[in-house]
Amino acid sequence: PIVSRTELAVGGKSMTVKGVVHKTSFLLGLSAIAALGFFFFVISGGISGGMAQMITFGSMFIAFGLALFITFKPQKAKALAAPYAILEGLFLGGVSLMFMGIDPSIPANALAATFVTAAVMLGLYRSGMIKVNEKFRSIMMSAIFAILLIYIMQWGFVLFGSSLPFLFQTGGLVAIGFSLFVVVIASFSLLLDFDNVERAVAAGVSEDYEWVFGVGILATLVWMYFEFMRLLSHFND
């Protein structure tokens, strides 16, 4: 999660859970509008397939860069949250269209799976069935870092017209297992986001940081949605 290493500042009007919910909802809505707008613009023939792919993956890399910048400069989150959400929306619209080429039902099923899983994670967190302690955080961050390294390696392979063997082989058992593992890690990352919000509220962190947590939760949900689409695409092969 983007907020895991954020150095939180205390002072001024304190953030609230309600404030984080409002900011997150706003960013989700902005992403949804951008995604739908780009999606229908592409299918209406307003742009070529090649240009659509460039915008899709360009948006992904720029959004990733913004997320890293916000992680190290959280005070800039208020100004960058909306552009970040729009970029994520462009990425989601384009990548959803790509997965529709495999099976038109994949985006809708992945979206449903994302929100159902998010609701389950929230229920597990609120019930206390899963404790977010330091050991849990350490395991999760190690897994997230390992996945990030694998994806960076894959991007490098793609630049040379290749792909990591087995892990990204469509329909392969190893690829399905890896994709399922990533879905689980992405889903459990929401628990870190929820716990970070509670800790920040308890510490009296400034309300400006509501944007940081909103961006963090949006990033996790986008990751979950993308990984659910990847997983479903394997089963459609």
C-alpha atoms as a PDB file:
ATOM      1  CA  PRO A   1       0.000   0.000   0.000  1.00  0.00           C
ATOM      2  CA  ILE A   2       1.155   3.480  -0.840  1.00  0.00           C
ATOM      3  CA  VAL A   3       0.696   4.749   2.726  1.00  0.00           C
ATOM      4  CA  SER A   4       2.839   2.122   4.436  1.00  0.00           C
ATOM      5  CA  ARG A   5       5.997   4.258   4.593  1.00  0.00           C
ATOM      6  CA  THR A   6       4.375   7.695   4.757  1.00  0.00           C
ATOM      7  CA  GLU A   7       5.778   9.895   7.521  1.00  0.00           C
ATOM      8  CA  LEU A   8       2.605  11.356   8.981  1.00  0.00           C
ATOM      9  CA  ALA A   9       2.474  14.917  10.284  1.00  0.00           C
ATOM     10  CA  VAL A  10       0.388  15.866  13.293  1.00  0.00           C
ATOM     11  CA  GLY A  11      -1.176  19.279  13.572  1.00  0.00           C
ATOM     12  CA  GLY A  12      -4.111  21.453  12.526  1.00  0.00           C
ATOM     13  CA  LYS A  13      -7.523  19.906  11.989  1.00  0.00           C
ATOM     14  CA  SER A  14      -7.320  16.140  12.448  1.00  0.00           C
ATOM     15  CA  MET A  15      -8.312  13.612   9.812  1.00  0.00           C
ATOM     16  CA  THR A  16     -11.300  11.323  10.329  1.00  0.00           C
ATOM     17  CA  VAL A  17     -12.403   7.961   8.966  1.00  0.00           C
ATOM     18  CA  LYS A  18     -15.405   9.723   7.423  1.00  0.00           C
ATOM     19  CA  GLY A  19     -13.075  12.149   5.671  1.00  0.00           C
ATOM     20  CA  VAL A  20     -11.016   9.292   4.229  1.00  0.00           C
ATOM     21  CA  VAL A  21     -14.209   7.588   3.017  1.00  0.00           C
ATOM     22  CA  HIS A  22     -15.326  10.791   1.289  1.00  0.00           C
ATOM     23  CA  LYS A  23     -11.940  11.369  -0.356  1.00  0.00           C
ATOM     24  CA  THR A  24     -11.693   7.739  -1.466  1.00  0.00           C
ATOM     25  CA  SER A  25     -15.231   7.797  -2.883  1.00  0.00           C
ATOM     26  CA  PHE A  26     -14.456  10.979  -4.811  1.00  0.00           C
ATOM     27  CA  LEU A  27     -11.283   9.479  -6.285  1.00  0.00           C
ATOM     28  CA  LEU A  28     -13.076   6.234  -7.169  1.00  0.00           C
ATOM     29  CA  GLY A  29     -15.793   8.212  -8.930  1.00  0.00           C
ATOM     30  CA  LEU A  30     -13.212  10.230 -10.843  1.00  0.00           C
ATOM     31  CA  SER A  31     -11.429   7.042 -11.927  1.00  0.00           C
ATOM     32  CA  ALA A  32     -14.712   5.446 -13.000  1.00  0.00           C
ATOM     33  CA  ILE A  33     -15.659   8.478 -15.121  1.00  0.00           C
ATOM     34  CA  ALA A  34     -12.221   8.551 -16.773  1.00  0.00           C
ATOM     35  CA  ALA A  35     -12.323   4.780 -17.374  1.00  0.00           C
ATOM     36  CA  LEU A  36     -15.793   4.797 -18.916  1.00  0.00           C
ATOM     37  CA  GLY A  37     -15.055   7.892 -20.987  1.00  0.00           C
ATOM     38  CA  PHE A  38     -11.854   6.421 -22.424  1.00  0.00           C
ATOM     39  CA  PHE A  39     -13.477   3.003 -22.917  1.00  0.00           C
ATOM     40  CA  PHE A  40     -16.378   4.352 -24.989  1.00  0.00           C
ATOM     41  CA  PHE A  41     -14.128   6.794 -26.838  1.00  0.00           C
ATOM     42  CA  VAL A  42     -11.965   3.890 -28.016  1.00  0.00           C
ATOM     43  CA  ILE A  43     -14.805   1.553 -29.018  1.00  0.00           C
ATOM     44  CA  SER A  44     -16.529   4.381 -30.899  1.00  0.00           C
ATOM     45  CA  GLY A  45     -13.476   4.615 -33.145  1.00  0.00           C
ATOM     46  CA  GLY A  46     -12.293   7.934 -31.786  1.00  0.00           C
ATOM     47  CA  ILE A  47      -8.730   6.657 -31.539  1.00  0.00           C
ATOM     48  CA  SER A  48      -6.647   3.887 -33.095  1.00  0.00           C
ATOM     49  CA  GLY A  49      -5.907   0.674 -31.226  1.00  0.00           C
ATOM     50  CA  GLY A  50      -2.190   1.403 -31.178  1.00  0.00           C
ATOM     51  CA  MET A  51      -2.673   4.875 -29.732  1.00  0.00           C
ATOM     52  CA  ALA A  52      -5.126   3.485 -27.161  1.00  0.00           C
ATOM     53  CA  GLN A  53      -2.474   1.012 -26.003  1.00  0.00           C
ATOM     54  CA  MET A  54       0.106   3.780 -25.726  1.00  0.00           C
ATOM     55  CA  ILE A  55      -2.261   5.876 -23.600  1.00  0.00           C
ATOM     56  CA  THR A  56      -3.208   2.854 -21.478  1.00  0.00           C
ATOM     57  CA  PHE A  57       0.320   1.848 -20.563  1.00  0.00           C
ATOM     58  CA  GLY A  58       1.610   5.413 -20.520  1.00  0.00           C
ATOM     59  CA  SER A  59      -1.062   6.253 -17.950  1.00  0.00           C
ATOM     60  CA  MET A  60      -0.057   3.213 -15.911  1.00  0.00           C
ATOM     61  CA  PHE A  61       3.608   4.218 -15.720  1.00  0.00           C
ATOM     62  CA  ILE A  62       2.863   7.880 -14.998  1.00  0.00           C
ATOM     63  CA  ALA A  63       0.369   6.877 -12.287  1.00  0.00           C
ATOM     64  CA  PHE A  64       2.982   4.561 -10.785  1.00  0.00           C
ATOM     65  CA  GLY A  65       5.465   7.433 -10.753  1.00  0.00           C
ATOM     66  CA  LEU A  66       2.930   9.741  -9.110  1.00  0.00           C
ATOM     67  CA  ALA A  67       2.188   7.103  -6.474  1.00  0.00           C
ATOM     68  CA  LEU A  68       5.880   6.847  -5.627  1.00  0.00           C
ATOM     69  CA  PHE A  69       6.166  10.641  -5.498  1.00  0.00           C
ATOM     70  CA  ILE A  70       3.175  10.886  -3.144  1.00  0.00           C
ATOM     71  CA  THR A  71       4.717   8.176  -0.962  1.00  0.00           C
ATOM     72  CA  PHE A  72       7.851  10.273  -0.434  1.00  0.00           C
ATOM     73  CA  LYS A  73       6.098  13.678  -0.584  1.00  0.00           C
ATOM     74  CA  PRO A  74       2.703  13.061   1.074  1.00  0.00           C
ATOM     75  CA  GLN A  75       2.116  16.785   1.512  1.00  0.00           C
ATOM     76  CA  LYS A  76       1.618  16.932  -2.278  1.00  0.00           C
ATOM     77  CA  ALA A  77      -1.197  14.360  -2.234  1.00  0.00           C
ATOM     78  CA  LYS A  78      -3.979  16.954  -2.101  1.00  0.00           C
ATOM     79  CA  ALA A  79      -2.859  18.468  -5.415  1.00  0.00           C
ATOM     80  CA  LEU A  80      -1.924  15.195  -7.122  1.00  0.00           C
ATOM     81  CA  ALA A  81      -4.766  12.923  -5.983  1.00  0.00           C
ATOM     82  CA  ALA A  82      -7.189  13.943  -8.752  1.00  0.00           C
ATOM     83  CA  PRO A  83      -4.636  13.644 -11.617  1.00  0.00           C
ATOM     84  CA  TYR A  84      -3.601  10.278 -10.189  1.00  0.00           C
ATOM     85  CA  ALA A  85      -7.221   9.062 -10.156  1.00  0.00           C
ATOM     86  CA  ILE A  86      -7.754  10.190 -13.759  1.00  0.00           C
ATOM     87  CA  LEU A  87      -4.594   8.406 -14.912  1.00  0.00           C
ATOM     88  CA  GLU A  88      -5.696   5.236 -13.144  1.00  0.00           C
ATOM     89  CA  GLY A  89      -9.068   5.592 -14.859  1.00  0.00           C
ATOM     90  CA  LEU A  90      -7.454   5.821 -18.295  1.00  0.00           C
ATOM     91  CA  PHE A  91      -5.418   2.724 -17.509  1.00  0.00           C
ATOM     92  CA  LEU A  92      -8.475   0.826 -16.264  1.00  0.00           C
ATOM     93  CA  GLY A  93     -10.559   1.764 -19.298  1.00  0.00           C
ATOM     94  CA  GLY A  94      -7.879   0.656 -21.724  1.00  0.00           C
ATOM     95  CA  VAL A  95      -6.849  -2.532 -19.964  1.00  0.00           C
ATOM     96  CA  SER A  96     -10.495  -3.564 -19.453  1.00  0.00           C
ATOM     97  CA  LEU A  97     -11.000  -3.290 -23.207  1.00  0.00           C
ATOM     98  CA  MET A  98      -7.984  -5.538 -23.769  1.00  0.00           C
ATOM     99  CA  PHE A  99      -9.297  -8.220 -21.436  1.00  0.00           C
ATOM    100  CA  MET A 100     -12.713  -7.977 -23.103  1.00  0.00           C
ATOM    101  CA  GLY A 101     -10.968  -9.227 -26.231  1.00  0.00           C
ATOM    102  CA  ILE A 102     -10.340 -12.489 -24.365  1.00  0.00           C
ATOM    103  CA  ASP A 103     -13.816 -12.715 -22.839  1.00  0.00           C
ATOM    104  CA  PRO A 104     -16.368  -9.857 -22.692  1.00  0.00           C
ATOM    105  CA  SER A 105     -17.433 -10.936 -19.189  1.00  0.00           C
ATOM    106  CA  ILE A 106     -13.989 -10.574 -17.587  1.00  0.00           C
ATOM    107  CA  PRO A 107     -14.142  -6.862 -16.587  1.00  0.00           C
ATOM    108  CA  ALA A 108     -17.622  -7.136 -15.039  1.00  0.00           C
ATOM    109  CA  ASN A 109     -16.717 -10.304 -13.133  1.00  0.00           C
ATOM    110  CA  ALA A 110     -13.422  -8.798 -11.962  1.00  0.00           C
ATOM    111  CA  LEU A 111     -15.199  -5.638 -10.798  1.00  0.00           C
ATOM    112  CA  ALA A 112     -17.738  -7.671  -8.829  1.00  0.00           C
ATOM    113  CA  ALA A 113     -14.963  -9.813  -7.329  1.00  0.00           C
ATOM    114  CA  THR A 114     -13.019  -6.685  -6.330  1.00  0.00           C
ATOM    115  CA  PHE A 115     -15.860  -5.064  -4.411  1.00  0.00           C
ATOM    116  CA  VAL A 116     -17.034  -8.323  -2.816  1.00  0.00           C
ATOM    117  CA  THR A 117     -13.471  -9.052  -1.687  1.00  0.00           C
ATOM    118  CA  ALA A 118     -13.064  -5.494  -0.383  1.00  0.00           C
ATOM    119  CA  ALA A 119     -16.267  -5.883   1.652  1.00  0.00           C
ATOM    120  CA  VAL A 120     -15.044  -9.221   3.036  1.00  0.00           C
ATOM    121  CA  MET A 121     -11.668  -7.714   3.966  1.00  0.00           C
ATOM    122  CA  LEU A 122     -13.395  -4.831   5.748  1.00  0.00           C
ATOM    123  CA  GLY A 123     -15.584  -7.309   7.631  1.00  0.00           C
ATOM    124  CA  LEU A 124     -12.570  -9.391   8.658  1.00  0.00           C
ATOM    125  CA  TYR A 125     -10.739  -6.285   9.834  1.00  0.00           C
ATOM    126  CA  ARG A 126     -13.672  -4.857  11.776  1.00  0.00           C
ATOM    127  CA  SER A 127     -14.367  -8.224  13.432  1.00  0.00           C
ATOM    128  CA  GLY A 128     -10.755  -8.541  14.579  1.00  0.00           C
ATOM    129  CA  MET A 129     -10.460 -12.004  13.025  1.00  0.00           C
ATOM    130  CA  ILE A 130      -7.211 -10.903  11.383  1.00  0.00           C
ATOM    131  CA  LYS A 131      -4.809  -8.840  13.475  1.00  0.00           C
ATOM    132  CA  VAL A 132      -2.584  -6.388  11.644  1.00  0.00           C
ATOM    133  CA  ASN A 133       0.529  -6.629  13.799  1.00  0.00           C
ATOM    134  CA  GLU A 134       4.179  -5.998  12.950  1.00  0.00           C
ATOM    135  CA  LYS A 135       4.737  -9.589  11.822  1.00  0.00           C
ATOM    136  CA  PHE A 136       1.765  -9.350   9.447  1.00  0.00           C
ATOM    137  CA  ARG A 137       3.090  -6.042   8.104  1.00  0.00           C
ATOM    138  CA  SER A 138       6.565  -7.464   7.585  1.00  0.00           C
ATOM    139  CA  ILE A 139       5.270 -10.505   5.685  1.00  0.00           C
ATOM    140  CA  MET A 140       2.955  -8.399   3.528  1.00  0.00           C
ATOM    141  CA  MET A 141       5.562  -5.799   2.645  1.00  0.00           C
ATOM    142  CA  SER A 142       8.077  -8.511   1.746  1.00  0.00           C
ATOM    143  CA  ALA A 143       5.518 -10.177  -0.529  1.00  0.00           C
ATOM    144  CA  ILE A 144       4.519  -6.867  -2.149  1.00  0.00           C
ATOM    145  CA  PHE A 145       8.161  -5.951  -2.762  1.00  0.00           C
ATOM    146  CA  ALA A 146       8.853  -9.378  -4.305  1.00  0.00           C
ATOM    147  CA  ILE A 147       5.830  -9.043  -6.612  1.00  0.00           C
ATOM    148  CA  LEU A 148       6.957  -5.556  -7.634  1.00  0.00           C
ATOM    149  CA  LEU A 149      10.406  -6.871  -8.558  1.00  0.00           C
ATOM    150  CA  ILE A 150       8.844  -9.654 -10.644  1.00  0.00           C
ATOM    151  CA  TYR A 151       6.673  -7.147 -12.508  1.00  0.00           C
ATOM    152  CA  ILE A 152       9.652  -4.874 -13.151  1.00  0.00           C
ATOM    153  CA  MET A 153      11.509  -7.876 -14.581  1.00  0.00           C
ATOM    154  CA  GLN A 154       8.485  -8.706 -16.740  1.00  0.00           C
ATOM    155  CA  TRP A 155       8.337  -5.141 -18.077  1.00  0.00           C
ATOM    156  CA  GLY A 156      12.001  -5.489 -19.006  1.00  0.00           C
ATOM    157  CA  PHE A 157      11.311  -8.748 -20.858  1.00  0.00           C
ATOM    158  CA  VAL A 158       8.348  -7.176 -22.680  1.00  0.00           C
ATOM    159  CA  LEU A 159      10.545  -4.338 -23.959  1.00  0.00           C
ATOM    160  CA  PHE A 160      12.597  -6.987 -25.771  1.00  0.00           C
ATOM    161  CA  GLY A 161       9.540  -8.808 -27.099  1.00  0.00           C
ATOM    162  CA  SER A 162       9.687 -11.647 -24.596  1.00  0.00           C
ATOM    163  CA  SER A 163       8.101 -12.661 -21.283  1.00  0.00           C
ATOM    164  CA  LEU A 164       9.072 -14.331 -18.030  1.00  0.00           C
ATOM    165  CA  PRO A 165       8.691 -18.080 -18.564  1.00  0.00           C
ATOM    166  CA  PHE A 166       5.825 -19.864 -16.798  1.00  0.00           C
ATOM    167  CA  LEU A 167       4.714 -16.963 -14.554  1.00  0.00           C
ATOM    168  CA  PHE A 168       3.044 -15.005 -17.354  1.00  0.00           C
ATOM    169  CA  GLN A 169       2.219 -17.914 -19.648  1.00  0.00           C
ATOM    170  CA  THR A 170      -1.506 -17.673 -20.322  1.00  0.00           C
ATOM    171  CA  GLY A 171      -3.390 -20.631 -18.917  1.00  0.00           C
ATOM    172  CA  GLY A 172      -0.344 -22.389 -17.458  1.00  0.00           C
ATOM    173  CA  LEU A 173      -0.672 -23.924 -14.005  1.00  0.00           C
ATOM    174  CA  VAL A 174       2.296 -21.978 -12.645  1.00  0.00           C
ATOM    175  CA  ALA A 175       0.862 -18.746 -14.072  1.00  0.00           C
ATOM    176  CA  ILE A 176      -2.534 -19.467 -12.497  1.00  0.00           C
ATOM    177  CA  GLY A 177      -0.890 -20.203  -9.148  1.00  0.00           C
ATOM    178  CA  PHE A 178       1.187 -17.024  -9.289  1.00  0.00           C
ATOM    179  CA  SER A 179      -1.821 -14.931 -10.305  1.00  0.00           C
ATOM    180  CA  LEU A 180      -3.883 -16.401  -7.460  1.00  0.00           C
ATOM    181  CA  PHE A 181      -1.076 -15.613  -5.008  1.00  0.00           C
ATOM    182  CA  VAL A 182      -0.928 -12.000  -6.211  1.00  0.00           C
ATOM    183  CA  VAL A 183      -4.721 -11.653  -5.893  1.00  0.00           C
ATOM    184  CA  VAL A 184      -4.499 -12.834  -2.271  1.00  0.00           C
ATOM    185  CA  ILE A 185      -1.657 -10.418  -1.453  1.00  0.00           C
ATOM    186  CA  ALA A 186      -3.452  -7.519  -3.159  1.00  0.00           C
ATOM    187  CA  SER A 187      -6.639  -8.301  -1.229  1.00  0.00           C
ATOM    188  CA  PHE A 188      -4.884  -8.537   2.124  1.00  0.00           C
ATOM    189  CA  SER A 189      -3.147  -5.236   1.361  1.00  0.00           C
ATOM    190  CA  LEU A 190      -6.483  -3.583   2.094  1.00  0.00           C
ATOM    191  CA  LEU A 191      -6.068  -4.659   5.721  1.00  0.00           C
ATOM    192  CA  LEU A 192      -2.875  -2.614   5.880  1.00  0.00           C
ATOM    193  CA  ASP A 193      -4.728   0.365   4.419  1.00  0.00           C
ATOM    194  CA  PHE A 194      -7.543   0.070   6.975  1.00  0.00           C
ATOM    195  CA  ASP A 195      -5.084  -0.242   9.848  1.00  0.00           C
ATOM    196  CA  ASN A 196      -3.023   2.716   8.613  1.00  0.00           C
ATOM    197  CA  VAL A 197      -6.157   4.866   8.596  1.00  0.00           C
ATOM    198  CA  GLU A 198      -7.096   3.853  12.147  1.00  0.00           C
ATOM    199  CA  ARG A 199      -3.580   4.515  13.420  1.00  0.00           C
ATOM    200  CA  ALA A 200      -3.442   7.923  11.770  1.00  0.00           C
ATOM    201  CA  VAL A 201      -6.841   8.951  13.157  1.00  0.00           C
ATOM    202  CA  ALA A 202      -5.794   7.832  16.647  1.00  0.00           C
ATOM    203  CA  ALA A 203      -2.579   9.858  16.329  1.00  0.00           C
ATOM    204  CA  GLY A 204      -4.461  13.023  15.355  1.00  0.00           C
ATOM    205  CA  VAL A 205      -2.864  13.328  11.932  1.00  0.00           C
ATOM    206  CA  SER A 206      -3.710  16.411   9.833  1.00  0.00           C
ATOM    207  CA  GLU A 207      -6.822  16.139   7.653  1.00  0.00           C
ATOM    208  CA  ASP A 208      -4.707  16.847   4.549  1.00  0.00           C
ATOM    209  CA  TYR A 209      -3.512  13.261   4.833  1.00  0.00           C
ATOM    210  CA  GLU A 210      -6.995  12.017   4.039  1.00  0.00           C
ATOM    211  CA  TRP A 211      -5.921  12.438   0.416  1.00  0.00           C
ATOM    212  CA  VAL A 212      -2.866  10.239   1.000  1.00  0.00           C
ATOM    213  CA  PHE A 213      -5.006   7.429   2.352  1.00  0.00           C
ATOM    214  CA  GLY A 214      -7.578   7.930  -0.402  1.00  0.00           C
ATOM    215  CA  VAL A 215      -4.857   7.505  -3.020  1.00  0.00           C
ATOM    216  CA  GLY A 216      -3.515   4.453  -1.167  1.00  0.00           C
ATOM    217  CA  ILE A 217      -6.879   2.695  -1.037  1.00  0.00           C
ATOM    218  CA  LEU A 218      -7.582   3.540  -4.690  1.00  0.00           C
ATOM    219  CA  ALA A 219      -4.191   2.108  -5.680  1.00  0.00           C
ATOM    220  CA  THR A 220      -4.944  -1.131  -3.836  1.00  0.00           C
ATOM    221  CA  LEU A 221      -8.408  -1.477  -5.403  1.00  0.00           C
ATOM    222  CA  VAL A 222      -7.017  -0.855  -8.900  1.00  0.00           C
ATOM    223  CA  TRP A 223      -4.341  -3.481  -8.271  1.00  0.00           C
ATOM    224  CA  MET A 224      -6.985  -5.963  -7.082  1.00  0.00           C
ATOM    225  CA  TYR A 225      -9.189  -5.329 -10.130  1.00  0.00           C
ATOM    226  CA  PHE A 226      -6.295  -5.780 -12.549  1.00  0.00           C
ATOM    227  CA  GLU A 227      -5.138  -8.992 -10.859  1.00  0.00           C
ATOM    228  CA  PHE A 228      -8.665 -10.424 -10.847  1.00  0.00           C
ATOM    229  CA  MET A 229      -8.844  -9.793 -14.596  1.00  0.00           C
ATOM    230  CA  ARG A 230      -5.502 -11.528 -15.090  1.00  0.00           C
ATOM    231  CA  LEU A 231      -6.646 -14.500 -13.035  1.00  0.00           C
ATOM    232  CA  LEU A 232      -9.941 -14.809 -14.913  1.00  0.00           C
ATOM    233  CA  SER A 233      -8.146 -14.563 -18.250  1.00  0.00           C
ATOM    234  CA  HIS A 234      -6.076 -17.633 -17.344  1.00  0.00           C
ATOM    235  CA  PHE A 235      -9.217 -19.674 -16.790  1.00  0.00           C
ATOM    236  CA  ASN A 236     -10.566 -18.502 -20.145  1.00  0.00           C
ATOM    237  CA  ASP A 237      -7.593 -19.779 -22.076  1.00  0.00           C
END
